[in-house]
């Protein structure tokens, strides 16, 4: 008799007390979105990301696999983070606390 075993990757966790409940690499606080930004947007290889951030290569691949299963959700999180960063920068600039280089 044949038995099917489904193995789930347990490297990605979400906890409302860690990074606002966004998916992170277990035990690190490093968000899936952080891996995606480095790989998709900055062109770094999985090996480069693992080496730069002291992650296991399997963790990086797990984050990327998670991303491709939940791409719309993660892309939306990245978009929201970018909007919030721009809002905060604009607020700081209005108060004269930060001068843009240019």
PDB file of N, CA and C in Angstrom:
ATOM      1  N   UNK A   1       0.839  -1.174   0.000  1.00  0.00           N
ATOM      2  CA  UNK A   1       0.000   0.000   0.000  1.00  0.00           C
ATOM      3  C   UNK A   1       0.890   1.245   0.000  1.00  0.00           C
ATOM      4  N   UNK A   2       0.517   2.209  -0.845  1.00  0.00           N
ATOM      5  CA  UNK A   2       1.283   3.436  -0.974  1.00  0.00           C
ATOM      6  C   UNK A   2       0.742   4.482  -0.004  1.00  0.00           C
ATOM      7  N   UNK A   3       1.634   5.187   0.671  1.00  0.00           N
ATOM      8  CA  UNK A   3       1.257   6.241   1.602  1.00  0.00           C
ATOM      9  C   UNK A   3       1.786   7.565   1.076  1.00  0.00           C
ATOM     10  N   UNK A   4       0.951   8.567   1.099  1.00  0.00           N
ATOM     11  CA  UNK A   4       1.368   9.906   0.685  1.00  0.00           C
ATOM     12  C   UNK A   4       1.617  10.741   1.929  1.00  0.00           C
ATOM     13  N   UNK A   5       2.777  11.376   1.942  1.00  0.00           N
ATOM     14  CA  UNK A   5       3.142  12.261   3.047  1.00  0.00           C
ATOM     15  C   UNK A   5       3.312  13.655   2.459  1.00  0.00           C
ATOM     16  N   UNK A   6       2.632  14.599   3.035  1.00  0.00           N
ATOM     17  CA  UNK A   6       2.763  15.986   2.591  1.00  0.00           C
ATOM     18  C   UNK A   6       3.683  16.697   3.580  1.00  0.00           C
ATOM     19  N   UNK A   7       4.792  17.203   3.062  1.00  0.00           N
ATOM     20  CA  UNK A   7       5.757  17.906   3.906  1.00  0.00           C
ATOM     21  C   UNK A   7       5.536  19.407   3.760  1.00  0.00           C
ATOM     22  N   UNK A   8       5.336  20.069   4.844  1.00  0.00           N
ATOM     23  CA  UNK A   8       5.166  21.512   4.833  1.00  0.00           C
ATOM     24  C   UNK A   8       6.469  22.170   5.259  1.00  0.00           C
ATOM     25  N   UNK A   9       6.813  23.228   4.603  1.00  0.00           N
ATOM     26  CA  UNK A   9       7.999  23.985   5.000  1.00  0.00           C
ATOM     27  C   UNK A   9       7.627  24.783   6.238  1.00  0.00           C
ATOM     28  N   UNK A  10       8.371  24.599   7.309  1.00  0.00           N
ATOM     29  CA  UNK A  10       8.032  25.271   8.569  1.00  0.00           C
ATOM     30  C   UNK A  10       8.949  26.455   8.864  1.00  0.00           C
ATOM     31  N   UNK A  11       9.556  26.988   7.835  1.00  0.00           N
ATOM     32  CA  UNK A  11      10.483  28.103   8.029  1.00  0.00           C
ATOM     33  C   UNK A  11       9.774  29.450   8.111  1.00  0.00           C
ATOM     34  N   UNK A  12       8.525  29.519   7.664  1.00  0.00           N
ATOM     35  CA  UNK A  12       7.793  30.786   7.631  1.00  0.00           C
ATOM     36  C   UNK A  12       6.720  30.771   8.714  1.00  0.00           C
ATOM     37  N   UNK A  13       6.733  31.802   9.552  1.00  0.00           N
ATOM     38  CA  UNK A  13       5.745  31.897  10.625  1.00  0.00           C
ATOM     39  C   UNK A  13       5.152  33.303  10.651  1.00  0.00           C
ATOM     40  N   UNK A  14       3.960  33.397  11.203  1.00  0.00           N
ATOM     41  CA  UNK A  14       3.328  34.698  11.433  1.00  0.00           C
ATOM     42  C   UNK A  14       2.884  34.737  12.887  1.00  0.00           C
ATOM     43  N   UNK A  15       3.230  35.815  13.564  1.00  0.00           N
ATOM     44  CA  UNK A  15       2.889  36.000  14.968  1.00  0.00           C
ATOM     45  C   UNK A  15       2.489  37.465  15.124  1.00  0.00           C
ATOM     46  N   UNK A  16       1.328  37.711  15.670  1.00  0.00           N
ATOM     47  CA  UNK A  16       0.853  39.091  15.797  1.00  0.00           C
ATOM     48  C   UNK A  16       1.787  39.967  16.629  1.00  0.00           C
ATOM     49  N   UNK A  17       2.656  39.351  17.425  1.00  0.00           N
ATOM     50  CA  UNK A  17       3.599  40.102  18.253  1.00  0.00           C
ATOM     51  C   UNK A  17       4.931  40.354  17.564  1.00  0.00           C
ATOM     52  N   UNK A  18       5.104  39.820  16.349  1.00  0.00           N
ATOM     53  CA  UNK A  18       6.368  39.974  15.621  1.00  0.00           C
ATOM     54  C   UNK A  18       6.076  40.616  14.271  1.00  0.00           C
ATOM     55  N   UNK A  19       6.653  41.790  14.042  1.00  0.00           N
ATOM     56  CA  UNK A  19       6.553  42.496  12.766  1.00  0.00           C
ATOM     57  C   UNK A  19       5.115  42.662  12.287  1.00  0.00           C
ATOM     58  N   UNK A  20       4.223  42.943  13.243  1.00  0.00           N
ATOM     59  CA  UNK A  20       2.839  43.211  12.905  1.00  0.00           C
ATOM     60  C   UNK A  20       2.090  42.023  12.337  1.00  0.00           C
ATOM     61  N   UNK A  21       2.577  40.833  12.607  1.00  0.00           N
ATOM     62  CA  UNK A  21       1.906  39.634  12.120  1.00  0.00           C
ATOM     63  C   UNK A  21       2.270  39.255  10.697  1.00  0.00           C
ATOM     64  N   UNK A  22       3.159  40.007  10.104  1.00  0.00           N
ATOM     65  CA  UNK A  22       3.576  39.688   8.734  1.00  0.00           C
ATOM     66  C   UNK A  22       4.462  38.444   8.738  1.00  0.00           C
ATOM     67  N   UNK A  23       4.443  37.671   7.665  1.00  0.00           N
ATOM     68  CA  UNK A  23       5.227  36.435   7.634  1.00  0.00           C
ATOM     69  C   UNK A  23       6.735  36.709   7.703  1.00  0.00           C
ATOM     70  N   UNK A  24       7.395  35.975   8.601  1.00  0.00           N
ATOM     71  CA  UNK A  24       8.834  36.116   8.813  1.00  0.00           C
ATOM     72  C   UNK A  24       9.501  34.746   8.778  1.00  0.00           C
ATOM     73  N   UNK A  25      10.809  34.765   8.640  1.00  0.00           N
ATOM     74  CA  UNK A  25      11.582  33.534   8.753  1.00  0.00           C
ATOM     75  C   UNK A  25      11.656  33.161  10.228  1.00  0.00           C
ATOM     76  N   UNK A  26      11.261  31.958  10.525  1.00  0.00           N
ATOM     77  CA  UNK A  26      11.185  31.472  11.912  1.00  0.00           C
ATOM     78  C   UNK A  26      12.480  31.774  12.665  1.00  0.00           C
ATOM     79  N   UNK A  27      12.311  32.398  13.831  1.00  0.00           N
ATOM     80  CA  UNK A  27      13.436  32.666  14.715  1.00  0.00           C
ATOM     81  C   UNK A  27      14.284  33.863  14.349  1.00  0.00           C
ATOM     82  N   UNK A  28      13.870  34.639  13.332  1.00  0.00           N
ATOM     83  CA  UNK A  28      14.724  35.742  12.894  1.00  0.00           C
ATOM     84  C   UNK A  28      14.064  37.108  12.944  1.00  0.00           C
ATOM     85  N   UNK A  29      12.770  37.206  12.724  1.00  0.00           N
ATOM     86  CA  UNK A  29      12.123  38.502  12.565  1.00  0.00           C
ATOM     87  C   UNK A  29      12.362  39.093  11.181  1.00  0.00           C
ATOM     88  N   UNK A  30      13.086  38.367  10.333  1.00  0.00           N
ATOM     89  CA  UNK A  30      13.377  38.801   8.966  1.00  0.00           C
ATOM     90  C   UNK A  30      12.172  38.481   8.103  1.00  0.00           C
ATOM     91  N   UNK A  31      11.519  39.513   7.568  1.00  0.00           N
ATOM     92  CA  UNK A  31      10.273  39.333   6.837  1.00  0.00           C
ATOM     93  C   UNK A  31      10.486  38.679   5.470  1.00  0.00           C
ATOM     94  N   UNK A  32       9.475  37.937   5.048  1.00  0.00           N
ATOM     95  CA  UNK A  32       9.477  37.406   3.685  1.00  0.00           C
ATOM     96  C   UNK A  32       9.668  38.571   2.714  1.00  0.00           C
ATOM     97  N   UNK A  33       8.985  39.681   2.974  1.00  0.00           N
ATOM     98  CA  UNK A  33       9.103  40.859   2.113  1.00  0.00           C
ATOM     99  C   UNK A  33      10.543  41.358   2.027  1.00  0.00           C
ATOM    100  N   UNK A  34      11.321  41.234   3.109  1.00  0.00           N
ATOM    101  CA  UNK A  34      12.720  41.660   3.087  1.00  0.00           C
ATOM    102  C   UNK A  34      13.524  40.826   2.088  1.00  0.00           C
ATOM    103  N   UNK A  35      13.269  39.525   2.070  1.00  0.00           N
ATOM    104  CA  UNK A  35      13.947  38.627   1.120  1.00  0.00           C
ATOM    105  C   UNK A  35      13.528  38.987  -0.301  1.00  0.00           C
ATOM    106  N   UNK A  36      12.239  39.208  -0.504  1.00  0.00           N
ATOM    107  CA  UNK A  36      11.710  39.533  -1.828  1.00  0.00           C
ATOM    108  C   UNK A  36      12.334  40.819  -2.359  1.00  0.00           C
ATOM    109  N   UNK A  37      12.411  41.831  -1.522  1.00  0.00           N
ATOM    110  CA  UNK A  37      13.001  43.106  -1.946  1.00  0.00           C
ATOM    111  C   UNK A  37      14.436  42.886  -2.403  1.00  0.00           C
ATOM    112  N   UNK A  38      15.187  42.131  -1.637  1.00  0.00           N
ATOM    113  CA  UNK A  38      16.581  41.874  -2.008  1.00  0.00           C
ATOM    114  C   UNK A  38      16.694  41.090  -3.309  1.00  0.00           C
ATOM    115  N   UNK A  39      15.837  40.089  -3.480  1.00  0.00           N
ATOM    116  CA  UNK A  39      15.937  39.209  -4.645  1.00  0.00           C
ATOM    117  C   UNK A  39      15.267  39.809  -5.891  1.00  0.00           C
ATOM    118  N   UNK A  40      14.001  40.150  -5.775  1.00  0.00           N
ATOM    119  CA  UNK A  40      13.226  40.588  -6.940  1.00  0.00           C
ATOM    120  C   UNK A  40      13.567  42.027  -7.325  1.00  0.00           C
ATOM    121  N   UNK A  41      13.643  42.903  -6.343  1.00  0.00           N
ATOM    122  CA  UNK A  41      13.825  44.321  -6.632  1.00  0.00           C
ATOM    123  C   UNK A  41      15.292  44.745  -6.726  1.00  0.00           C
ATOM    124  N   UNK A  42      16.173  44.094  -5.947  1.00  0.00           N
ATOM    125  CA  UNK A  42      17.586  44.477  -5.959  1.00  0.00           C
ATOM    126  C   UNK A  42      18.466  43.489  -6.721  1.00  0.00           C
ATOM    127  N   UNK A  43      17.885  42.403  -7.224  1.00  0.00           N
ATOM    128  CA  UNK A  43      18.613  41.469  -8.074  1.00  0.00           C
ATOM    129  C   UNK A  43      19.638  40.582  -7.387  1.00  0.00           C
ATOM    130  N   UNK A  44      19.568  40.449  -6.071  1.00  0.00           N
ATOM    131  CA  UNK A  44      20.524  39.595  -5.367  1.00  0.00           C
ATOM    132  C   UNK A  44      20.128  38.125  -5.498  1.00  0.00           C
ATOM    133  N   UNK A  45      21.118  37.265  -5.564  1.00  0.00           N
ATOM    134  CA  UNK A  45      20.847  35.834  -5.623  1.00  0.00           C
ATOM    135  C   UNK A  45      20.462  35.328  -4.239  1.00  0.00           C
ATOM    136  N   UNK A  46      19.863  34.149  -4.207  1.00  0.00           N
ATOM    137  CA  UNK A  46      19.505  33.538  -2.927  1.00  0.00           C
ATOM    138  C   UNK A  46      20.760  33.351  -2.070  1.00  0.00           C
ATOM    139  N   UNK A  47      21.852  32.930  -2.700  1.00  0.00           N
ATOM    140  CA  UNK A  47      23.106  32.744  -1.964  1.00  0.00           C
ATOM    141  C   UNK A  47      23.591  34.065  -1.377  1.00  0.00           C
ATOM    142  N   UNK A  48      23.553  35.141  -2.170  1.00  0.00           N
ATOM    143  CA  UNK A  48      23.985  36.463  -1.684  1.00  0.00           C
ATOM    144  C   UNK A  48      23.149  36.927  -0.491  1.00  0.00           C
ATOM    145  N   UNK A  49      21.844  36.704  -0.579  1.00  0.00           N
ATOM    146  CA  UNK A  49      20.956  37.100   0.516  1.00  0.00           C
ATOM    147  C   UNK A  49      21.285  36.308   1.772  1.00  0.00           C
ATOM    148  N   UNK A  50      21.452  35.009   1.618  1.00  0.00           N
ATOM    149  CA  UNK A  50      21.782  34.158   2.772  1.00  0.00           C
ATOM    150  C   UNK A  50      23.085  34.613   3.415  1.00  0.00           C
ATOM    151  N   UNK A  51      24.072  34.872   2.595  1.00  0.00           N
ATOM    152  CA  UNK A  51      25.376  35.279   3.110  1.00  0.00           C
ATOM    153  C   UNK A  51      25.320  36.666   3.763  1.00  0.00           C
ATOM    154  N   UNK A  52      24.651  37.606   3.120  1.00  0.00           N
ATOM    155  CA  UNK A  52      24.593  38.982   3.623  1.00  0.00           C
ATOM    156  C   UNK A  52      23.864  39.096   4.956  1.00  0.00           C
ATOM    157  N   UNK A  53      22.818  38.299   5.124  1.00  0.00           N
ATOM    158  CA  UNK A  53      21.976  38.437   6.306  1.00  0.00           C
ATOM    159  C   UNK A  53      22.103  37.257   7.265  1.00  0.00           C
ATOM    160  N   UNK A  54      23.131  36.444   7.035  1.00  0.00           N
ATOM    161  CA  UNK A  54      23.407  35.280   7.898  1.00  0.00           C
ATOM    162  C   UNK A  54      22.195  34.367   8.035  1.00  0.00           C
ATOM    163  N   UNK A  55      21.598  34.081   6.888  1.00  0.00           N
ATOM    164  CA  UNK A  55      20.466  33.168   6.833  1.00  0.00           C
ATOM    165  C   UNK A  55      20.924  31.858   6.220  1.00  0.00           C
ATOM    166  N   UNK A  56      20.188  30.820   6.515  1.00  0.00           N
ATOM    167  CA  UNK A  56      20.407  29.538   5.870  1.00  0.00           C
ATOM    168  C   UNK A  56      19.826  29.642   4.461  1.00  0.00           C
ATOM    169  N   UNK A  57      20.489  29.051   3.491  1.00  0.00           N
ATOM    170  CA  UNK A  57      20.014  29.105   2.118  1.00  0.00           C
ATOM    171  C   UNK A  57      18.597  28.537   2.002  1.00  0.00           C
ATOM    172  N   UNK A  58      18.292  27.524   2.776  1.00  0.00           N
ATOM    173  CA  UNK A  58      16.940  26.951   2.764  1.00  0.00           C
ATOM    174  C   UNK A  58      15.907  27.976   3.236  1.00  0.00           C
ATOM    175  N   UNK A  59      16.281  28.825   4.187  1.00  0.00           N
ATOM    176  CA  UNK A  59      15.363  29.863   4.659  1.00  0.00           C
ATOM    177  C   UNK A  59      15.031  30.841   3.531  1.00  0.00           C
ATOM    178  N   UNK A  60      16.045  31.225   2.776  1.00  0.00           N
ATOM    179  CA  UNK A  60      15.833  32.162   1.671  1.00  0.00           C
ATOM    180  C   UNK A  60      14.907  31.536   0.630  1.00  0.00           C
ATOM    181  N   UNK A  61      15.172  30.290   0.292  1.00  0.00           N
ATOM    182  CA  UNK A  61      14.323  29.615  -0.693  1.00  0.00           C
ATOM    183  C   UNK A  61      12.904  29.422  -0.166  1.00  0.00           C
ATOM    184  N   UNK A  62      12.760  29.165   1.117  1.00  0.00           N
ATOM    185  CA  UNK A  62      11.423  29.035   1.713  1.00  0.00           C
ATOM    186  C   UNK A  62      10.673  30.360   1.616  1.00  0.00           C
ATOM    187  N   UNK A  63      11.368  31.458   1.883  1.00  0.00           N
ATOM    188  CA  UNK A  63      10.736  32.777   1.788  1.00  0.00           C
ATOM    189  C   UNK A  63      10.305  33.065   0.358  1.00  0.00           C
ATOM    190  N   UNK A  64      11.142  32.727  -0.600  1.00  0.00           N
ATOM    191  CA  UNK A  64      10.787  32.963  -1.999  1.00  0.00           C
ATOM    192  C   UNK A  64       9.633  32.067  -2.435  1.00  0.00           C
ATOM    193  N   UNK A  65       9.637  30.824  -1.984  1.00  0.00           N
ATOM    194  CA  UNK A  65       8.527  29.921  -2.303  1.00  0.00           C
ATOM    195  C   UNK A  65       7.228  30.458  -1.713  1.00  0.00           C
ATOM    196  N   UNK A  66       7.294  30.939  -0.474  1.00  0.00           N
ATOM    197  CA  UNK A  66       6.118  31.525   0.164  1.00  0.00           C
ATOM    198  C   UNK A  66       5.631  32.730  -0.641  1.00  0.00           C
ATOM    199  N   UNK A  67       6.577  33.551  -1.051  1.00  0.00           N
ATOM    200  CA  UNK A  67       6.231  34.734  -1.840  1.00  0.00           C
ATOM    201  C   UNK A  67       5.473  34.344  -3.110  1.00  0.00           C
ATOM    202  N   UNK A  68       5.978  33.375  -3.838  1.00  0.00           N
ATOM    203  CA  UNK A  68       5.337  33.024  -5.105  1.00  0.00           C
ATOM    204  C   UNK A  68       3.965  32.390  -4.897  1.00  0.00           C
ATOM    205  N   UNK A  69       3.699  31.847  -3.723  1.00  0.00           N
ATOM    206  CA  UNK A  69       2.354  31.346  -3.387  1.00  0.00           C
ATOM    207  C   UNK A  69       1.433  32.465  -2.913  1.00  0.00           C
ATOM    208  N   UNK A  70       2.009  33.548  -2.391  1.00  0.00           N
ATOM    209  CA  UNK A  70       1.231  34.658  -1.806  1.00  0.00           C
ATOM    210  C   UNK A  70       1.689  35.991  -2.386  1.00  0.00           C
ATOM    211  N   UNK A  71       1.987  36.012  -3.653  1.00  0.00           N
ATOM    212  CA  UNK A  71       2.613  37.171  -4.284  1.00  0.00           C
ATOM    213  C   UNK A  71       1.789  38.455  -4.149  1.00  0.00           C
ATOM    214  N   UNK A  72       0.495  38.379  -4.380  1.00  0.00           N
ATOM    215  CA  UNK A  72      -0.329  39.593  -4.275  1.00  0.00           C
ATOM    216  C   UNK A  72      -0.283  40.182  -2.872  1.00  0.00           C
ATOM    217  N   UNK A  73      -0.360  39.307  -1.866  1.00  0.00           N
ATOM    218  CA  UNK A  73      -0.341  39.750  -0.464  1.00  0.00           C
ATOM    219  C   UNK A  73       0.989  40.411  -0.111  1.00  0.00           C
ATOM    220  N   UNK A  74       2.088  39.786  -0.484  1.00  0.00           N
ATOM    221  CA  UNK A  74       3.417  40.325  -0.148  1.00  0.00           C
ATOM    222  C   UNK A  74       3.685  41.602  -0.938  1.00  0.00           C
ATOM    223  N   UNK A  75       3.311  41.634  -2.211  1.00  0.00           N
ATOM    224  CA  UNK A  75       3.487  42.855  -2.998  1.00  0.00           C
ATOM    225  C   UNK A  75       2.705  44.015  -2.390  1.00  0.00           C
ATOM    226  N   UNK A  76       1.515  43.728  -1.886  1.00  0.00           N
ATOM    227  CA  UNK A  76       0.708  44.769  -1.240  1.00  0.00           C
ATOM    228  C   UNK A  76       1.387  45.256   0.044  1.00  0.00           C
ATOM    229  N   UNK A  77       1.976  44.351   0.816  1.00  0.00           N
ATOM    230  CA  UNK A  77       2.694  44.750   2.031  1.00  0.00           C
ATOM    231  C   UNK A  77       3.875  45.657   1.685  1.00  0.00           C
ATOM    232  N   UNK A  78       4.599  45.305   0.635  1.00  0.00           N
ATOM    233  CA  UNK A  78       5.742  46.118   0.212  1.00  0.00           C
ATOM    234  C   UNK A  78       5.258  47.497  -0.227  1.00  0.00           C
ATOM    235  N   UNK A  79       4.170  47.556  -0.993  1.00  0.00           N
ATOM    236  CA  UNK A  79       3.614  48.822  -1.441  1.00  0.00           C
ATOM    237  C   UNK A  79       3.202  49.689  -0.251  1.00  0.00           C
ATOM    238  N   UNK A  80       2.530  49.079   0.731  1.00  0.00           N
ATOM    239  CA  UNK A  80       2.103  49.814   1.922  1.00  0.00           C
ATOM    240  C   UNK A  80       3.311  50.329   2.702  1.00  0.00           C
ATOM    241  N   UNK A  81       4.339  49.516   2.841  1.00  0.00           N
ATOM    242  CA  UNK A  81       5.553  49.941   3.546  1.00  0.00           C
ATOM    243  C   UNK A  81       6.214  51.119   2.837  1.00  0.00           C
ATOM    244  N   UNK A  82       6.259  51.058   1.497  1.00  0.00           N
ATOM    245  CA  UNK A  82       6.843  52.157   0.725  1.00  0.00           C
ATOM    246  C   UNK A  82       6.049  53.443   0.916  1.00  0.00           C
ATOM    247  N   UNK A  83       4.722  53.338   0.882  1.00  0.00           N
ATOM    248  CA  UNK A  83       3.870  54.516   1.090  1.00  0.00           C
ATOM    249  C   UNK A  83       4.075  55.099   2.482  1.00  0.00           C
ATOM    250  N   UNK A  84       4.150  54.242   3.483  1.00  0.00           N
ATOM    251  CA  UNK A  84       4.351  54.708   4.864  1.00  0.00           C
ATOM    252  C   UNK A  84       5.715  55.385   5.013  1.00  0.00           C
ATOM    253  N   UNK A  85       6.741  54.826   4.402  1.00  0.00           N
ATOM    254  CA  UNK A  85       8.075  55.429   4.463  1.00  0.00           C
ATOM    255  C   UNK A  85       8.065  56.811   3.814  1.00  0.00           C
ATOM    256  N   UNK A  86       7.434  56.925   2.658  1.00  0.00           N
ATOM    257  CA  UNK A  86       7.344  58.228   1.983  1.00  0.00           C
ATOM    258  C   UNK A  86       6.568  59.231   2.825  1.00  0.00           C
ATOM    259  N   UNK A  87       5.494  58.783   3.465  1.00  0.00           N
ATOM    260  CA  UNK A  87       4.692  59.663   4.318  1.00  0.00           C
ATOM    261  C   UNK A  87       5.534  60.173   5.490  1.00  0.00           C
ATOM    262  N   UNK A  88       6.291  59.261   6.112  1.00  0.00           N
ATOM    263  CA  UNK A  88       7.117  59.643   7.255  1.00  0.00           C
ATOM    264  C   UNK A  88       8.232  60.599   6.847  1.00  0.00           C
ATOM    265  N   UNK A  89       8.848  60.344   5.704  1.00  0.00           N
ATOM    266  CA  UNK A  89       9.905  61.234   5.208  1.00  0.00           C
ATOM    267  C   UNK A  89       9.339  62.627   4.953  1.00  0.00           C
ATOM    268  N   UNK A  90       8.176  62.681   4.308  1.00  0.00           N
ATOM    269  CA  UNK A  90       7.547  63.978   4.025  1.00  0.00           C
ATOM    270  C   UNK A  90       7.219  64.719   5.316  1.00  0.00           C
ATOM    271  N   UNK A  91       6.728  63.993   6.311  1.00  0.00           N
ATOM    272  CA  UNK A  91       6.395  64.613   7.593  1.00  0.00           C
ATOM    273  C   UNK A  91       7.642  65.169   8.274  1.00  0.00           C
ATOM    274  N   UNK A  92       8.705  64.406   8.258  1.00  0.00           N
ATOM    275  CA  UNK A  92       9.958  64.861   8.865  1.00  0.00           C
ATOM    276  C   UNK A  92      10.497  66.081   8.126  1.00  0.00           C
ATOM    277  N   UNK A  93      10.436  66.038   6.792  1.00  0.00           N
ATOM    278  CA  UNK A  93      10.910  67.180   6.004  1.00  0.00           C
ATOM    279  C   UNK A  93      10.097  68.435   6.293  1.00  0.00           C
ATOM    280  N   UNK A  94       8.780  68.274   6.431  1.00  0.00           N
ATOM    281  CA  UNK A  94       7.936  69.432   6.750  1.00  0.00           C
ATOM    282  C   UNK A  94       8.350  70.065   8.069  1.00  0.00           C
ATOM    283  N   UNK A  95       8.781  69.250   8.998  1.00  0.00           N
ATOM    284  CA  UNK A  95       9.193  69.784  10.301  1.00  0.00           C
ATOM    285  C   UNK A  95      10.630  70.283  10.264  1.00  0.00           C
ATOM    286  N   UNK A  96      11.296  70.144   9.113  1.00  0.00           N
ATOM    287  CA  UNK A  96      12.663  70.635   8.974  1.00  0.00           C
ATOM    288  C   UNK A  96      13.695  69.765   9.647  1.00  0.00           C
ATOM    289  N   UNK A  97      13.365  68.530   9.962  1.00  0.00           N
ATOM    290  CA  UNK A  97      14.285  67.654  10.671  1.00  0.00           C
ATOM    291  C   UNK A  97      15.170  66.840   9.726  1.00  0.00           C
ATOM    292  N   UNK A  98      14.869  66.911   8.445  1.00  0.00           N
ATOM    293  CA  UNK A  98      15.641  66.127   7.481  1.00  0.00           C
ATOM    294  C   UNK A  98      15.760  66.938   6.198  1.00  0.00           C
ATOM    295  N   UNK A  99      16.955  67.014   5.694  1.00  0.00           N
ATOM    296  CA  UNK A  99      17.187  67.710   4.425  1.00  0.00           C
ATOM    297  C   UNK A  99      17.509  66.644   3.388  1.00  0.00           C
ATOM    298  N   UNK A 100      16.763  66.646   2.294  1.00  0.00           N
ATOM    299  CA  UNK A 100      17.029  65.698   1.196  1.00  0.00           C
ATOM    300  C   UNK A 100      18.296  66.109   0.473  1.00  0.00           C
ATOM    301  N   UNK A 101      19.093  65.109   0.130  1.00  0.00           N
ATOM    302  CA  UNK A 101      20.272  65.364  -0.686  1.00  0.00           C
ATOM    303  C   UNK A 101      19.807  65.442  -2.132  1.00  0.00           C
ATOM    304  N   UNK A 102      20.347  66.322  -2.899  1.00  0.00           N
ATOM    305  CA  UNK A 102      19.895  66.373  -4.275  1.00  0.00           C
ATOM    306  C   UNK A 102      20.590  67.382  -4.997  1.00  0.00           C
TER     307      UNK A 102
END
